Amino acid sequence: MPHPFKGTAIVTIATHGFVVMVADTLGYSDRYGTPIPRVDPFRKVFPWSNHVLVGSCGMLLEPRQRHTIGFTHEGRPIPIWFEYNFDEWISVIHQERGDPGTSSAEAAAYIFSKARETFQRAEPIAKAGCWRGDNPGNPIVIYVVAGFSKDFSEFGIYECRVNLNTEGNGFEYVAPVDHADKIWLTGQVERIQRARSKEEPEYSLLGRFRDGCLAQVKEVFSNTDSEVIEWVAFAVGCVRVQSHFTPKTVGSSVTIIVVEKSSGGVVEASL
């Protein structure tokens, strides 16, 4: 099951015929435990290729910070700079990879290796007790990768993470895990889980939000199979259920990306 997490809700649906990934677009900064929403939308899901999608939640944006950790043998301070912007980071490593034939499993493995490389540079900050206010044992950043192999014969959903370790003095790198479930929830999704378990009032809200966006989804995805449209509306409804209860950390506006096996292409939209 997904770990408890503050901020961002991603709903991923994968079948033999299509993959859907929907995430809210709310970005915010956490100041002394109080979330401060950003004015501009923040993109959290991207196409990796015409058959693989990637999304992330957690530390989506960390402004450049300078930390002084320990001293060299000559008595000089050791400066460590760390900056992370998911939007820019995923674009750079995507260009580095440059392989449209990558399957979802291969993409997840590559993203994990680059995340490990990135965060290992910041690990001395955690070891010195100067890391942010994350709770020990909780995820710092989560990546979800879903899609098909190049020939569309295989599909899957993979998730990998970087956690603050249970001692709070270093990072734990959790390698990609293949999830067999058709629907996978990532991030702050406890209200979505209740809706899927038919608990109230979340279950009724899900029906209302799903029905409320169905006409928009049909218009935007007019050339898409009706089954896909139903699942997109369901996913949008799920994110809006979570947003209804946690509007400061999960937004109601969403980014939608769909890969269809029949067309072999990616369709994106915002609602």
C-alpha atoms as a PDB file:
ATOM      1  CA  MET A   1       0.000   0.000   0.000  1.00  0.00           C
ATOM      2  CA  PRO A   2       1.153   3.590  -0.619  1.00  0.00           C
ATOM      3  CA  HIS A   3       2.810   5.302   2.358  1.00  0.00           C
ATOM      4  CA  PRO A   4       1.102   8.240   4.120  1.00  0.00           C
ATOM      5  CA  PHE A   5       2.327  11.390   2.474  1.00  0.00           C
ATOM      6  CA  LYS A   6       1.587  15.111   2.591  1.00  0.00           C
ATOM      7  CA  GLY A   7       0.983  16.768  -0.767  1.00  0.00           C
ATOM      8  CA  THR A   8       0.303  15.532  -4.316  1.00  0.00           C
ATOM      9  CA  ALA A   9      -2.103  12.803  -5.374  1.00  0.00           C
ATOM     10  CA  ILE A  10      -1.301  10.637  -8.411  1.00  0.00           C
ATOM     11  CA  VAL A  11      -3.753   8.065  -9.754  1.00  0.00           C
ATOM     12  CA  THR A  12      -2.264   5.568 -12.226  1.00  0.00           C
ATOM     13  CA  ILE A  13      -4.358   3.020 -14.143  1.00  0.00           C
ATOM     14  CA  ALA A  14      -2.690   0.411 -16.358  1.00  0.00           C
ATOM     15  CA  THR A  15      -4.310  -2.297 -18.491  1.00  0.00           C
ATOM     16  CA  HIS A  16      -3.358  -4.251 -21.595  1.00  0.00           C
ATOM     17  CA  GLY A  17      -5.026  -1.547 -23.735  1.00  0.00           C
ATOM     18  CA  PHE A  18      -4.142   1.783 -22.131  1.00  0.00           C
ATOM     19  CA  VAL A  19      -2.360   3.601 -19.319  1.00  0.00           C
ATOM     20  CA  VAL A  20      -3.772   6.665 -17.559  1.00  0.00           C
ATOM     21  CA  MET A  21      -1.870   8.931 -15.158  1.00  0.00           C
ATOM     22  CA  VAL A  22      -3.573  11.861 -13.409  1.00  0.00           C
ATOM     23  CA  ALA A  23      -2.035  14.221 -10.831  1.00  0.00           C
ATOM     24  CA  ASP A  24      -2.984  17.505  -9.211  1.00  0.00           C
ATOM     25  CA  THR A  25      -1.022  20.600 -10.170  1.00  0.00           C
ATOM     26  CA  LEU A  26      -0.775  22.350  -6.790  1.00  0.00           C
ATOM     27  CA  GLY A  27       2.699  23.304  -5.654  1.00  0.00           C
ATOM     28  CA  TYR A  28       3.374  24.644  -2.193  1.00  0.00           C
ATOM     29  CA  SER A  29       6.140  25.385   0.265  1.00  0.00           C
ATOM     30  CA  ASP A  30       6.095  24.215   3.866  1.00  0.00           C
ATOM     31  CA  ARG A  31       6.912  27.029   6.293  1.00  0.00           C
ATOM     32  CA  TYR A  32       7.133  25.966   9.920  1.00  0.00           C
ATOM     33  CA  GLY A  33       4.571  23.227   9.313  1.00  0.00           C
ATOM     34  CA  THR A  34       2.137  25.466   7.414  1.00  0.00           C
ATOM     35  CA  PRO A  35       1.634  24.796   3.680  1.00  0.00           C
ATOM     36  CA  ILE A  36       1.837  27.947   1.527  1.00  0.00           C
ATOM     37  CA  PRO A  37       0.311  27.249  -1.935  1.00  0.00           C
ATOM     38  CA  ARG A  38       2.074  28.546  -5.045  1.00  0.00           C
ATOM     39  CA  VAL A  39       0.168  30.726  -7.494  1.00  0.00           C
ATOM     40  CA  ASP A  40       1.481  28.979 -10.609  1.00  0.00           C
ATOM     41  CA  PRO A  41       0.530  25.346 -11.375  1.00  0.00           C
ATOM     42  CA  PHE A  42       3.229  22.708 -10.940  1.00  0.00           C
ATOM     43  CA  ARG A  43       3.468  19.853 -13.403  1.00  0.00           C
ATOM     44  CA  LYS A  44       3.977  16.457 -11.746  1.00  0.00           C
ATOM     45  CA  VAL A  45       3.477  13.946 -14.589  1.00  0.00           C
ATOM     46  CA  PHE A  46       5.338  13.693 -17.907  1.00  0.00           C
ATOM     47  CA  PRO A  47       5.526  11.449 -20.969  1.00  0.00           C
ATOM     48  CA  TRP A  48       8.868   9.616 -21.024  1.00  0.00           C
ATOM     49  CA  SER A  49       8.135   8.316 -24.534  1.00  0.00           C
ATOM     50  CA  ASN A  50       5.069   7.485 -26.623  1.00  0.00           C
ATOM     51  CA  HIS A  51       4.505   4.436 -24.401  1.00  0.00           C
ATOM     52  CA  VAL A  52       5.880   5.307 -20.935  1.00  0.00           C
ATOM     53  CA  LEU A  53       4.722   7.912 -18.386  1.00  0.00           C
ATOM     54  CA  VAL A  54       6.442   9.175 -15.245  1.00  0.00           C
ATOM     55  CA  GLY A  55       5.129  11.088 -12.248  1.00  0.00           C
ATOM     56  CA  SER A  56       6.540  12.253  -8.941  1.00  0.00           C
ATOM     57  CA  CYS A  57       5.463  13.545  -5.589  1.00  0.00           C
ATOM     58  CA  GLY A  58       7.340  14.671  -2.541  1.00  0.00           C
ATOM     59  CA  MET A  59      10.224  17.063  -2.881  1.00  0.00           C
ATOM     60  CA  LEU A  60       9.168  18.578  -6.179  1.00  0.00           C
ATOM     61  CA  LEU A  61      11.040  21.830  -5.648  1.00  0.00           C
ATOM     62  CA  GLU A  62      13.898  22.619  -3.283  1.00  0.00           C
ATOM     63  CA  PRO A  63      15.485  26.068  -3.783  1.00  0.00           C
ATOM     64  CA  ARG A  64      19.271  26.098  -3.842  1.00  0.00           C
ATOM     65  CA  GLN A  65      20.655  25.923  -0.337  1.00  0.00           C
ATOM     66  CA  ARG A  66      24.181  26.032   1.028  1.00  0.00           C
ATOM     67  CA  HIS A  67      25.167  23.943   4.033  1.00  0.00           C
ATOM     68  CA  THR A  68      28.526  23.805   5.771  1.00  0.00           C
ATOM     69  CA  ILE A  69      29.222  20.258   6.927  1.00  0.00           C
ATOM     70  CA  GLY A  70      32.294  19.381   8.989  1.00  0.00           C
ATOM     71  CA  PHE A  71      35.860  20.364   8.207  1.00  0.00           C
ATOM     72  CA  THR A  72      38.685  19.110   6.018  1.00  0.00           C
ATOM     73  CA  HIS A  73      41.977  17.875   7.453  1.00  0.00           C
ATOM     74  CA  GLU A  74      43.259  21.420   6.960  1.00  0.00           C
ATOM     75  CA  GLY A  75      40.500  22.838   9.129  1.00  0.00           C
ATOM     76  CA  ARG A  76      38.490  24.330   6.288  1.00  0.00           C
ATOM     77  CA  PRO A  77      34.675  24.063   6.198  1.00  0.00           C
ATOM     78  CA  ILE A  78      33.095  21.745   3.618  1.00  0.00           C
ATOM     79  CA  PRO A  79      30.329  23.574   1.690  1.00  0.00           C
ATOM     80  CA  ILE A  80      27.523  21.505   0.170  1.00  0.00           C
ATOM     81  CA  TRP A  81      25.084  22.975  -2.313  1.00  0.00           C
ATOM     82  CA  PHE A  82      21.828  21.204  -3.062  1.00  0.00           C
ATOM     83  CA  GLU A  83      19.003  22.167  -5.420  1.00  0.00           C
ATOM     84  CA  TYR A  84      16.192  20.044  -6.855  1.00  0.00           C
ATOM     85  CA  ASN A  85      13.418  20.927  -9.307  1.00  0.00           C
ATOM     86  CA  PHE A  86      11.531  17.875 -10.560  1.00  0.00           C
ATOM     87  CA  ASP A  87      10.422  19.584 -13.773  1.00  0.00           C
ATOM     88  CA  GLU A  88      13.988  20.477 -14.772  1.00  0.00           C
ATOM     89  CA  TRP A  89      15.538  17.311 -13.314  1.00  0.00           C
ATOM     90  CA  ILE A  90      13.311  14.885 -15.215  1.00  0.00           C
ATOM     91  CA  SER A  91      13.806  16.846 -18.450  1.00  0.00           C
ATOM     92  CA  VAL A  92      17.593  16.693 -18.136  1.00  0.00           C
ATOM     93  CA  ILE A  93      17.810  12.978 -17.387  1.00  0.00           C
ATOM     94  CA  HIS A  94      15.289  12.264 -20.143  1.00  0.00           C
ATOM     95  CA  GLN A  95      17.546  14.020 -22.647  1.00  0.00           C
ATOM     96  CA  GLU A  96      20.555  12.137 -21.305  1.00  0.00           C
ATOM     97  CA  ARG A  97      18.807   8.810 -21.778  1.00  0.00           C
ATOM     98  CA  GLY A  98      17.507   9.594 -25.252  1.00  0.00           C
ATOM     99  CA  ASP A  99      16.121   6.071 -25.818  1.00  0.00           C
ATOM    100  CA  PRO A 100      12.530   5.921 -27.131  1.00  0.00           C
ATOM    101  CA  GLY A 101      12.640   2.125 -26.957  1.00  0.00           C
ATOM    102  CA  THR A 102      12.848   2.081 -23.159  1.00  0.00           C
ATOM    103  CA  SER A 103      10.153   0.028 -21.429  1.00  0.00           C
ATOM    104  CA  SER A 104       8.488   1.162 -18.192  1.00  0.00           C
ATOM    105  CA  ALA A 105      10.703  -1.237 -16.222  1.00  0.00           C
ATOM    106  CA  GLU A 106      13.872   0.107 -17.852  1.00  0.00           C
ATOM    107  CA  ALA A 107      12.751   3.714 -17.414  1.00  0.00           C
ATOM    108  CA  ALA A 108      12.031   3.118 -13.716  1.00  0.00           C
ATOM    109  CA  ALA A 109      15.473   1.558 -13.211  1.00  0.00           C
ATOM    110  CA  TYR A 110      17.171   4.477 -14.954  1.00  0.00           C
ATOM    111  CA  ILE A 111      15.203   7.131 -13.030  1.00  0.00           C
ATOM    112  CA  PHE A 112      16.023   5.365  -9.769  1.00  0.00           C
ATOM    113  CA  SER A 113      19.737   5.292 -10.570  1.00  0.00           C
ATOM    114  CA  LYS A 114      19.743   9.017 -11.380  1.00  0.00           C
ATOM    115  CA  ALA A 115      17.724   9.835  -8.241  1.00  0.00           C
ATOM    116  CA  ARG A 116      20.206   7.900  -6.132  1.00  0.00           C
ATOM    117  CA  GLU A 117      23.077   9.747  -7.768  1.00  0.00           C
ATOM    118  CA  THR A 118      21.362  13.104  -7.133  1.00  0.00           C
ATOM    119  CA  PHE A 119      20.415  12.539  -3.505  1.00  0.00           C
ATOM    120  CA  GLN A 120      23.694  10.943  -2.484  1.00  0.00           C
ATOM    121  CA  ARG A 121      25.227  14.373  -3.022  1.00  0.00           C
ATOM    122  CA  ALA A 122      22.890  15.737  -0.334  1.00  0.00           C
ATOM    123  CA  GLU A 123      23.156  12.829   2.104  1.00  0.00           C
ATOM    124  CA  PRO A 124      25.959  14.443   4.185  1.00  0.00           C
ATOM    125  CA  ILE A 125      23.415  17.129   5.080  1.00  0.00           C
ATOM    126  CA  ALA A 126      21.121  14.489   6.586  1.00  0.00           C
ATOM    127  CA  LYS A 127      24.016  12.728   8.333  1.00  0.00           C
ATOM    128  CA  ALA A 128      24.908  16.022  10.013  1.00  0.00           C
ATOM    129  CA  GLY A 129      21.318  16.466  11.234  1.00  0.00           C
ATOM    130  CA  CYS A 130      20.665  19.461   8.977  1.00  0.00           C
ATOM    131  CA  TRP A 131      18.071  17.932   6.651  1.00  0.00           C
ATOM    132  CA  ARG A 132      14.568  19.386   6.231  1.00  0.00           C
ATOM    133  CA  GLY A 133      11.669  18.593   8.557  1.00  0.00           C
ATOM    134  CA  ASP A 134      10.792  15.187   7.082  1.00  0.00           C
ATOM    135  CA  ASN A 135       9.862  12.559   9.653  1.00  0.00           C
ATOM    136  CA  PRO A 136      12.325   9.666   9.974  1.00  0.00           C
ATOM    137  CA  GLY A 137      11.224   6.691   7.886  1.00  0.00           C
ATOM    138  CA  ASN A 138       8.998   8.756   5.589  1.00  0.00           C
ATOM    139  CA  PRO A 139       9.508   9.213   1.833  1.00  0.00           C
ATOM    140  CA  ILE A 140      11.337  12.327   0.672  1.00  0.00           C
ATOM    141  CA  VAL A 141      10.488  11.775  -2.983  1.00  0.00           C
ATOM    142  CA  ILE A 142       8.477   9.101  -4.809  1.00  0.00           C
ATOM    143  CA  TYR A 143       8.566   8.263  -8.519  1.00  0.00           C
ATOM    144  CA  VAL A 144       5.891   6.276 -10.321  1.00  0.00           C
ATOM    145  CA  VAL A 145       6.570   4.965 -13.830  1.00  0.00           C
ATOM    146  CA  ALA A 146       3.896   3.276 -15.933  1.00  0.00           C
ATOM    147  CA  GLY A 147       3.497   2.195 -19.517  1.00  0.00           C
ATOM    148  CA  PHE A 148       4.280  -0.410 -22.126  1.00  0.00           C
ATOM    149  CA  SER A 149       7.248  -2.050 -23.759  1.00  0.00           C
ATOM    150  CA  LYS A 150       8.145  -0.611 -27.169  1.00  0.00           C
ATOM    151  CA  ASP A 151       6.013  -3.185 -29.012  1.00  0.00           C
ATOM    152  CA  PHE A 152       3.111  -2.692 -26.531  1.00  0.00           C
ATOM    153  CA  SER A 153       3.150  -6.394 -25.651  1.00  0.00           C
ATOM    154  CA  GLU A 154       3.850  -5.797 -21.933  1.00  0.00           C
ATOM    155  CA  PHE A 155       2.693  -3.162 -19.459  1.00  0.00           C
ATOM    156  CA  GLY A 156       3.321  -2.346 -15.827  1.00  0.00           C
ATOM    157  CA  ILE A 157       3.414   0.165 -12.985  1.00  0.00           C
ATOM    158  CA  TYR A 158       6.657   0.665 -11.051  1.00  0.00           C
ATOM    159  CA  GLU A 159       7.384   2.786  -8.001  1.00  0.00           C
ATOM    160  CA  CYS A 160      10.676   3.748  -6.383  1.00  0.00           C
ATOM    161  CA  ARG A 161      11.477   6.093  -3.529  1.00  0.00           C
ATOM    162  CA  VAL A 162      14.086   7.930  -1.536  1.00  0.00           C
ATOM    163  CA  ASN A 163      13.251   7.855   2.178  1.00  0.00           C
ATOM    164  CA  LEU A 164      14.731   9.588   5.190  1.00  0.00           C
ATOM    165  CA  ASN A 165      16.004   6.601   7.161  1.00  0.00           C
ATOM    166  CA  THR A 166      14.415   5.575  10.442  1.00  0.00           C
ATOM    167  CA  GLU A 167      17.273   7.135  12.428  1.00  0.00           C
ATOM    168  CA  GLY A 168      16.850  10.445  10.601  1.00  0.00           C
ATOM    169  CA  ASN A 169      20.563  10.616   9.750  1.00  0.00           C
ATOM    170  CA  GLY A 170      20.712   9.399   6.153  1.00  0.00           C
ATOM    171  CA  PHE A 171      18.728   8.264   3.141  1.00  0.00           C
ATOM    172  CA  GLU A 172      17.236   4.916   2.182  1.00  0.00           C
ATOM    173  CA  TYR A 173      16.982   4.145  -1.537  1.00  0.00           C
ATOM    174  CA  VAL A 174      14.057   1.860  -2.379  1.00  0.00           C
ATOM    175  CA  ALA A 175      14.519   0.281  -5.813  1.00  0.00           C
ATOM    176  CA  PRO A 176      11.614   0.037  -8.302  1.00  0.00           C
ATOM    177  CA  VAL A 177       8.857  -2.387  -7.354  1.00  0.00           C
ATOM    178  CA  ASP A 178       6.450  -3.790  -9.934  1.00  0.00           C
ATOM    179  CA  HIS A 179       2.823  -3.323  -8.877  1.00  0.00           C
ATOM    180  CA  ALA A 180       0.342  -5.766 -10.337  1.00  0.00           C
ATOM    181  CA  ASP A 181      -2.735  -3.769  -9.292  1.00  0.00           C
ATOM    182  CA  LYS A 182      -4.690  -2.176 -12.124  1.00  0.00           C
ATOM    183  CA  ILE A 183      -5.066   1.028 -10.078  1.00  0.00           C
ATOM    184  CA  TRP A 184      -2.111   2.410  -8.145  1.00  0.00           C
ATOM    185  CA  LEU A 185      -2.302   5.416  -5.804  1.00  0.00           C
ATOM    186  CA  THR A 186       0.783   7.491  -5.011  1.00  0.00           C
ATOM    187  CA  GLY A 187       1.203  10.334  -2.544  1.00  0.00           C
ATOM    188  CA  GLN A 188      -1.463  11.813  -0.295  1.00  0.00           C
ATOM    189  CA  VAL A 189      -4.313   9.447  -1.119  1.00  0.00           C
ATOM    190  CA  GLU A 190      -5.965   8.391   2.144  1.00  0.00           C
ATOM    191  CA  ARG A 191      -9.310   9.930   1.155  1.00  0.00           C
ATOM    192  CA  ILE A 192      -9.151   8.225  -2.244  1.00  0.00           C
ATOM    193  CA  GLN A 193      -8.565   4.911  -0.486  1.00  0.00           C
ATOM    194  CA  ARG A 194     -11.679   5.496   1.610  1.00  0.00           C
ATOM    195  CA  ALA A 195     -13.698   6.280  -1.521  1.00  0.00           C
ATOM    196  CA  ARG A 196     -12.514   3.064  -3.169  1.00  0.00           C
ATOM    197  CA  SER A 197     -13.560   1.168  -0.028  1.00  0.00           C
ATOM    198  CA  LYS A 198     -17.043   2.742  -0.403  1.00  0.00           C
ATOM    199  CA  GLU A 199     -16.719   4.683   2.843  1.00  0.00           C
ATOM    200  CA  GLU A 200     -18.755   7.846   3.226  1.00  0.00           C
ATOM    201  CA  PRO A 201     -18.753  10.711   2.527  1.00  0.00           C
ATOM    202  CA  GLU A 202     -15.805  10.034   0.178  1.00  0.00           C
ATOM    203  CA  TYR A 203     -17.626   7.423  -1.905  1.00  0.00           C
ATOM    204  CA  SER A 204     -20.563   9.725  -2.728  1.00  0.00           C
ATOM    205  CA  LEU A 205     -18.174  12.594  -3.454  1.00  0.00           C
ATOM    206  CA  LEU A 206     -16.254  10.411  -5.895  1.00  0.00           C
ATOM    207  CA  GLY A 207     -19.451   9.712  -7.846  1.00  0.00           C
ATOM    208  CA  ARG A 208     -20.305  13.397  -7.894  1.00  0.00           C
ATOM    209  CA  PHE A 209     -16.858  14.573  -9.005  1.00  0.00           C
ATOM    210  CA  ARG A 210     -16.567  11.800 -11.609  1.00  0.00           C
ATOM    211  CA  ASP A 211     -19.959  12.630 -13.129  1.00  0.00           C
ATOM    212  CA  GLY A 212     -19.213  16.358 -12.943  1.00  0.00           C
ATOM    213  CA  CYS A 213     -16.100  16.123 -15.123  1.00  0.00           C
ATOM    214  CA  LEU A 214     -17.326  13.448 -17.550  1.00  0.00           C
ATOM    215  CA  ALA A 215     -18.617  15.900 -20.180  1.00  0.00           C
ATOM    216  CA  GLN A 216     -15.292  17.785 -20.137  1.00  0.00           C
ATOM    217  CA  VAL A 217     -13.326  14.559 -20.422  1.00  0.00           C
ATOM    218  CA  LYS A 218     -15.457  13.416 -23.377  1.00  0.00           C
ATOM    219  CA  GLU A 219     -14.852  16.728 -25.128  1.00  0.00           C
ATOM    220  CA  VAL A 220     -11.098  16.739 -24.535  1.00  0.00           C
ATOM    221  CA  PHE A 221     -10.646  13.047 -25.387  1.00  0.00           C
ATOM    222  CA  SER A 222     -13.203  12.941 -28.195  1.00  0.00           C
ATOM    223  CA  ASN A 223     -11.138  10.482 -30.262  1.00  0.00           C
ATOM    224  CA  THR A 224     -10.487   8.151 -27.356  1.00  0.00           C
ATOM    225  CA  ASP A 225     -12.182   4.863 -26.547  1.00  0.00           C
ATOM    226  CA  SER A 226     -15.208   5.153 -24.232  1.00  0.00           C
ATOM    227  CA  GLU A 227     -13.636   2.834 -21.634  1.00  0.00           C
ATOM    228  CA  VAL A 228     -10.614   5.124 -21.391  1.00  0.00           C
ATOM    229  CA  ILE A 229     -12.881   8.158 -20.965  1.00  0.00           C
ATOM    230  CA  GLU A 230     -14.664   6.473 -18.064  1.00  0.00           C
ATOM    231  CA  TRP A 231     -11.372   5.665 -16.361  1.00  0.00           C
ATOM    232  CA  VAL A 232     -10.016   9.188 -16.878  1.00  0.00           C
ATOM    233  CA  ALA A 233     -13.146  10.659 -15.302  1.00  0.00           C
ATOM    234  CA  PHE A 234     -12.759   8.222 -12.408  1.00  0.00           C
ATOM    235  CA  ALA A 235      -9.118   9.225 -11.881  1.00  0.00           C
ATOM    236  CA  VAL A 236      -9.919  12.956 -12.008  1.00  0.00           C
ATOM    237  CA  GLY A 237     -12.747  12.365  -9.542  1.00  0.00           C
ATOM    238  CA  CYS A 238     -10.360  10.547  -7.204  1.00  0.00           C
ATOM    239  CA  VAL A 239      -7.867  13.409  -7.125  1.00  0.00           C
ATOM    240  CA  ARG A 240     -10.668  15.897  -6.483  1.00  0.00           C
ATOM    241  CA  VAL A 241     -11.943  13.809  -3.578  1.00  0.00           C
ATOM    242  CA  GLN A 242      -8.529  14.138  -1.935  1.00  0.00           C
ATOM    243  CA  SER A 243      -8.398  17.841  -2.762  1.00  0.00           C
ATOM    244  CA  HIS A 244     -11.822  18.378  -1.194  1.00  0.00           C
ATOM    245  CA  PHE A 245     -10.424  17.366   2.204  1.00  0.00           C
ATOM    246  CA  THR A 246      -6.833  18.645   1.834  1.00  0.00           C
ATOM    247  CA  PRO A 247      -7.084  21.705  -0.452  1.00  0.00           C
ATOM    248  CA  LYS A 248      -3.866  23.304   0.844  1.00  0.00           C
ATOM    249  CA  THR A 249      -1.689  20.378  -0.226  1.00  0.00           C
ATOM    250  CA  VAL A 250      -3.605  18.664  -3.068  1.00  0.00           C
ATOM    251  CA  GLY A 251      -5.212  20.802  -5.777  1.00  0.00           C
ATOM    252  CA  SER A 252      -8.410  20.208  -7.745  1.00  0.00           C
ATOM    253  CA  SER A 253      -6.837  21.152 -11.096  1.00  0.00           C
ATOM    254  CA  VAL A 254      -5.175  18.184 -12.745  1.00  0.00           C
ATOM    255  CA  THR A 255      -2.831  17.074 -15.503  1.00  0.00           C
ATOM    256  CA  ILE A 256      -3.984  14.001 -17.453  1.00  0.00           C
ATOM    257  CA  ILE A 257      -1.801  11.818 -19.679  1.00  0.00           C
ATOM    258  CA  VAL A 258      -3.103   8.799 -21.589  1.00  0.00           C
ATOM    259  CA  VAL A 259      -1.257   6.187 -23.635  1.00  0.00           C
ATOM    260  CA  GLU A 260      -3.438   3.992 -25.835  1.00  0.00           C
ATOM    261  CA  LYS A 261      -2.156   0.764 -27.312  1.00  0.00           C
ATOM    262  CA  SER A 262      -4.500   1.055 -30.300  1.00  0.00           C
ATOM    263  CA  SER A 263      -3.143   4.435 -31.412  1.00  0.00           C
ATOM    264  CA  GLY A 264       0.391   3.999 -30.083  1.00  0.00           C
ATOM    265  CA  GLY A 265       0.446   7.617 -28.971  1.00  0.00           C
ATOM    266  CA  VAL A 266       0.206   9.954 -25.977  1.00  0.00           C
ATOM    267  CA  VAL A 267      -2.663  12.365 -25.309  1.00  0.00           C
ATOM    268  CA  GLU A 268      -2.360  15.097 -22.659  1.00  0.00           C
ATOM    269  CA  ALA A 269      -4.891  17.465 -21.150  1.00  0.00           C
ATOM    270  CA  SER A 270      -5.490  19.757 -18.173  1.00  0.00           C
ATOM    271  CA  LEU A 271      -8.772  20.193 -16.339  1.00  0.00           C
END
